[in-house]
Structures are given as C-alpha cells and as structure tokens.
Amino acid sequence: MKRDGQRLLGAGKFVRKPVVLAKYFPGSAATLYRRIREGKFPASIKISPGISAWDVEQLEAWAKAQRAS
C-alpha cells in the first residue's frame, strides 16, 4: 500500500485530502468540508481512526458532472 496521499484498498483507489485539494477541488479545506456538509461534494470514507480518504471513482464522477453542467 502507498502512503504518499494515495492508497489502494481492495479494487478501489483512494486519495487523501492533499490530493483532493490539488487535483479535484480548487478551494480551501474549510470550503471543501462545507460543500460535503451541503451534499455538493462526495464525502470521505473513514479508513481507520484519524485517517479519511476519498474514492477516486466518486471524485471522477463528480468532476465529470461538474464539467457537464
């Protein structure tokens, strides 16, 4: 498994917050979490205590939907 912001769990690929902010969400961490609470951005998945990550497939689907609108 990788520990550089990306993890492979099962068949899905997961990324941590620095990658989400750099590649998928052009804003601050505070705005990211506000969008999650509003249901406007995919929520992270708890991997272990203190570690959350986002499913890349969900992020790609969100990004595709944003480009289409």
N, C-alpha and C. Protein backbone atom coordinates (compact mmCIF):
# COMPACT_ATOMS: atom_id res chain seq x y z
N MET A 1 0.83 -1.18 0.00
CA MET A 1 0.00 0.00 0.00
C MET A 1 0.88 1.25 0.00
N LYS A 2 0.36 2.30 -0.61
CA LYS A 2 1.11 3.55 -0.68
C LYS A 2 0.76 4.44 0.50
N ARG A 3 1.68 5.29 0.88
CA ARG A 3 1.43 6.25 1.96
C ARG A 3 1.76 7.67 1.52
N ASP A 4 1.72 7.95 0.22
CA ASP A 4 2.05 9.29 -0.29
C ASP A 4 0.81 10.06 -0.71
N GLY A 5 -0.30 9.86 -0.02
CA GLY A 5 -1.53 10.55 -0.39
C GLY A 5 -2.47 9.66 -1.17
N GLN A 6 -2.00 8.51 -1.61
CA GLN A 6 -2.84 7.56 -2.33
C GLN A 6 -2.74 6.20 -1.67
N ARG A 7 -3.89 5.51 -1.59
CA ARG A 7 -3.91 4.16 -1.01
C ARG A 7 -4.72 3.27 -1.92
N LEU A 8 -4.34 2.03 -1.98
CA LEU A 8 -5.12 1.05 -2.71
C LEU A 8 -5.78 0.15 -1.68
N LEU A 9 -7.10 0.11 -1.69
CA LEU A 9 -7.85 -0.74 -0.79
C LEU A 9 -8.80 -1.58 -1.62
N GLY A 10 -8.62 -2.86 -1.62
CA GLY A 10 -9.47 -3.70 -2.46
C GLY A 10 -9.28 -3.32 -3.91
N ALA A 11 -10.38 -3.20 -4.64
CA ALA A 11 -10.31 -2.86 -6.05
C ALA A 11 -10.32 -1.35 -6.28
N GLY A 12 -10.75 -0.58 -5.27
CA GLY A 12 -10.88 0.86 -5.45
C GLY A 12 -9.62 1.61 -5.09
N LYS A 13 -9.45 2.77 -5.69
CA LYS A 13 -8.32 3.61 -5.38
C LYS A 13 -8.80 4.79 -4.55
N PHE A 14 -8.05 5.14 -3.52
CA PHE A 14 -8.43 6.20 -2.61
C PHE A 14 -7.33 7.24 -2.54
N VAL A 15 -7.72 8.49 -2.33
CA VAL A 15 -6.75 9.57 -2.18
C VAL A 15 -7.05 10.35 -0.91
N ARG A 16 -6.02 10.93 -0.34
CA ARG A 16 -6.16 11.72 0.88
C ARG A 16 -6.41 13.18 0.54
N LYS A 17 -6.69 14.00 1.54
CA LYS A 17 -7.09 15.39 1.36
C LYS A 17 -6.12 16.23 0.53
N PRO A 18 -4.80 16.13 0.70
CA PRO A 18 -3.92 16.98 -0.13
C PRO A 18 -4.11 16.74 -1.63
N VAL A 19 -4.35 15.50 -2.01
CA VAL A 19 -4.57 15.18 -3.42
C VAL A 19 -5.92 15.72 -3.87
N VAL A 20 -6.94 15.59 -3.03
CA VAL A 20 -8.27 16.12 -3.37
C VAL A 20 -8.18 17.62 -3.60
N LEU A 21 -7.52 18.33 -2.71
CA LEU A 21 -7.41 19.78 -2.84
C LEU A 21 -6.57 20.18 -4.05
N ALA A 22 -5.56 19.42 -4.37
CA ALA A 22 -4.68 19.76 -5.50
C ALA A 22 -5.30 19.40 -6.85
N LYS A 23 -6.03 18.29 -6.91
CA LYS A 23 -6.48 17.80 -8.21
C LYS A 23 -7.97 17.98 -8.47
N TYR A 24 -8.81 17.86 -7.45
CA TYR A 24 -10.26 17.80 -7.68
C TYR A 24 -11.04 19.02 -7.18
N PHE A 25 -10.56 19.70 -6.17
CA PHE A 25 -11.34 20.78 -5.56
C PHE A 25 -10.50 22.04 -5.45
N PRO A 26 -10.78 23.03 -6.27
CA PRO A 26 -9.97 24.26 -6.26
C PRO A 26 -10.41 25.23 -5.17
N GLY A 27 -10.19 24.88 -3.94
CA GLY A 27 -10.60 25.74 -2.83
C GLY A 27 -9.89 25.33 -1.56
N SER A 28 -10.30 25.92 -0.47
CA SER A 28 -9.68 25.62 0.82
C SER A 28 -10.30 24.37 1.44
N ALA A 29 -9.64 23.85 2.46
CA ALA A 29 -10.16 22.70 3.18
C ALA A 29 -11.49 23.04 3.85
N ALA A 30 -11.61 24.27 4.37
CA ALA A 30 -12.86 24.67 5.02
C ALA A 30 -14.02 24.66 4.02
N THR A 31 -13.77 25.17 2.83
CA THR A 31 -14.82 25.18 1.80
C THR A 31 -15.14 23.76 1.35
N LEU A 32 -14.14 22.91 1.25
CA LEU A 32 -14.35 21.51 0.89
C LEU A 32 -15.30 20.85 1.88
N TYR A 33 -15.04 21.00 3.17
CA TYR A 33 -15.90 20.37 4.18
C TYR A 33 -17.30 20.99 4.21
N ARG A 34 -17.39 22.28 3.91
CA ARG A 34 -18.71 22.91 3.83
C ARG A 34 -19.51 22.32 2.66
N ARG A 35 -18.85 22.12 1.52
CA ARG A 35 -19.53 21.51 0.35
C ARG A 35 -19.97 20.08 0.66
N ILE A 36 -19.17 19.35 1.43
CA ILE A 36 -19.54 17.98 1.82
C ILE A 36 -20.79 18.03 2.69
N ARG A 37 -20.82 18.93 3.69
CA ARG A 37 -21.99 19.05 4.55
C ARG A 37 -23.24 19.43 3.77
N GLU A 38 -23.07 20.24 2.72
CA GLU A 38 -24.19 20.67 1.90
C GLU A 38 -24.61 19.60 0.88
N GLY A 39 -23.84 18.52 0.78
CA GLY A 39 -24.14 17.47 -0.19
C GLY A 39 -23.71 17.81 -1.60
N LYS A 40 -22.78 18.77 -1.73
CA LYS A 40 -22.33 19.22 -3.04
C LYS A 40 -20.96 18.66 -3.45
N PHE A 41 -20.41 17.80 -2.61
CA PHE A 41 -19.13 17.15 -2.91
C PHE A 41 -19.14 15.80 -2.22
N PRO A 42 -18.54 14.78 -2.84
CA PRO A 42 -18.53 13.44 -2.22
C PRO A 42 -17.85 13.45 -0.85
N ALA A 43 -18.41 12.72 0.07
CA ALA A 43 -17.84 12.61 1.42
C ALA A 43 -16.67 11.64 1.42
N SER A 44 -15.79 11.85 2.37
CA SER A 44 -14.66 10.95 2.54
C SER A 44 -15.13 9.66 3.22
N ILE A 45 -14.26 8.68 3.18
CA ILE A 45 -14.52 7.37 3.80
C ILE A 45 -13.49 7.20 4.92
N LYS A 46 -13.96 6.80 6.08
CA LYS A 46 -13.06 6.58 7.22
C LYS A 46 -12.32 5.26 7.01
N ILE A 47 -11.02 5.33 6.90
CA ILE A 47 -10.20 4.13 6.68
C ILE A 47 -9.77 3.54 8.02
N SER A 48 -9.39 4.41 8.95
CA SER A 48 -9.02 4.00 10.30
C SER A 48 -9.13 5.24 11.18
N PRO A 49 -8.98 5.09 12.49
CA PRO A 49 -9.06 6.28 13.34
C PRO A 49 -8.04 7.35 12.89
N GLY A 50 -8.54 8.51 12.60
CA GLY A 50 -7.65 9.60 12.19
C GLY A 50 -7.29 9.63 10.72
N ILE A 51 -7.76 8.66 9.94
CA ILE A 51 -7.42 8.62 8.52
C ILE A 51 -8.69 8.50 7.69
N SER A 52 -8.90 9.50 6.85
CA SER A 52 -10.03 9.50 5.91
C SER A 52 -9.48 9.66 4.51
N ALA A 53 -10.22 9.15 3.54
CA ALA A 53 -9.79 9.25 2.15
C ALA A 53 -11.03 9.29 1.26
N TRP A 54 -10.84 9.70 0.03
CA TRP A 54 -11.92 9.78 -0.94
C TRP A 54 -11.73 8.73 -2.01
N ASP A 55 -12.83 8.15 -2.45
CA ASP A 55 -12.83 7.16 -3.53
C ASP A 55 -12.64 7.91 -4.85
N VAL A 56 -11.61 7.54 -5.60
CA VAL A 56 -11.30 8.22 -6.85
C VAL A 56 -12.44 8.12 -7.86
N GLU A 57 -13.13 6.99 -7.90
CA GLU A 57 -14.26 6.85 -8.84
C GLU A 57 -15.34 7.87 -8.53
N GLN A 58 -15.64 8.09 -7.26
CA GLN A 58 -16.64 9.10 -6.89
C GLN A 58 -16.17 10.49 -7.26
N LEU A 59 -14.90 10.77 -7.04
CA LEU A 59 -14.36 12.08 -7.39
C LEU A 59 -14.39 12.32 -8.89
N GLU A 60 -14.04 11.31 -9.66
CA GLU A 60 -14.06 11.43 -11.12
C GLU A 60 -15.49 11.65 -11.62
N ALA A 61 -16.45 10.94 -11.04
CA ALA A 61 -17.86 11.11 -11.43
C ALA A 61 -18.33 12.52 -11.09
N TRP A 62 -17.95 13.02 -9.93
CA TRP A 62 -18.31 14.39 -9.53
C TRP A 62 -17.71 15.39 -10.51
N ALA A 63 -16.43 15.23 -10.83
CA ALA A 63 -15.75 16.15 -11.74
C ALA A 63 -16.40 16.13 -13.13
N LYS A 64 -16.78 14.95 -13.59
CA LYS A 64 -17.44 14.82 -14.89
C LYS A 64 -18.79 15.55 -14.88
N ALA A 65 -19.53 15.39 -13.80
CA ALA A 65 -20.83 16.07 -13.68
C ALA A 65 -20.66 17.58 -13.64
N GLN A 66 -19.58 18.05 -12.99
CA GLN A 66 -19.33 19.49 -12.93
C GLN A 66 -19.00 20.05 -14.31
N ARG A 67 -18.24 19.30 -15.10
CA ARG A 67 -17.90 19.74 -16.45
C ARG A 67 -19.12 19.76 -17.36
N ALA A 68 -20.06 18.83 -17.11
CA ALA A 68 -21.26 18.73 -17.95
C ALA A 68 -22.27 19.84 -17.66
N SER A 69 -22.21 20.41 -16.45
CA SER A 69 -23.22 21.44 -16.10
C SER A 69 -22.78 22.83 -16.47
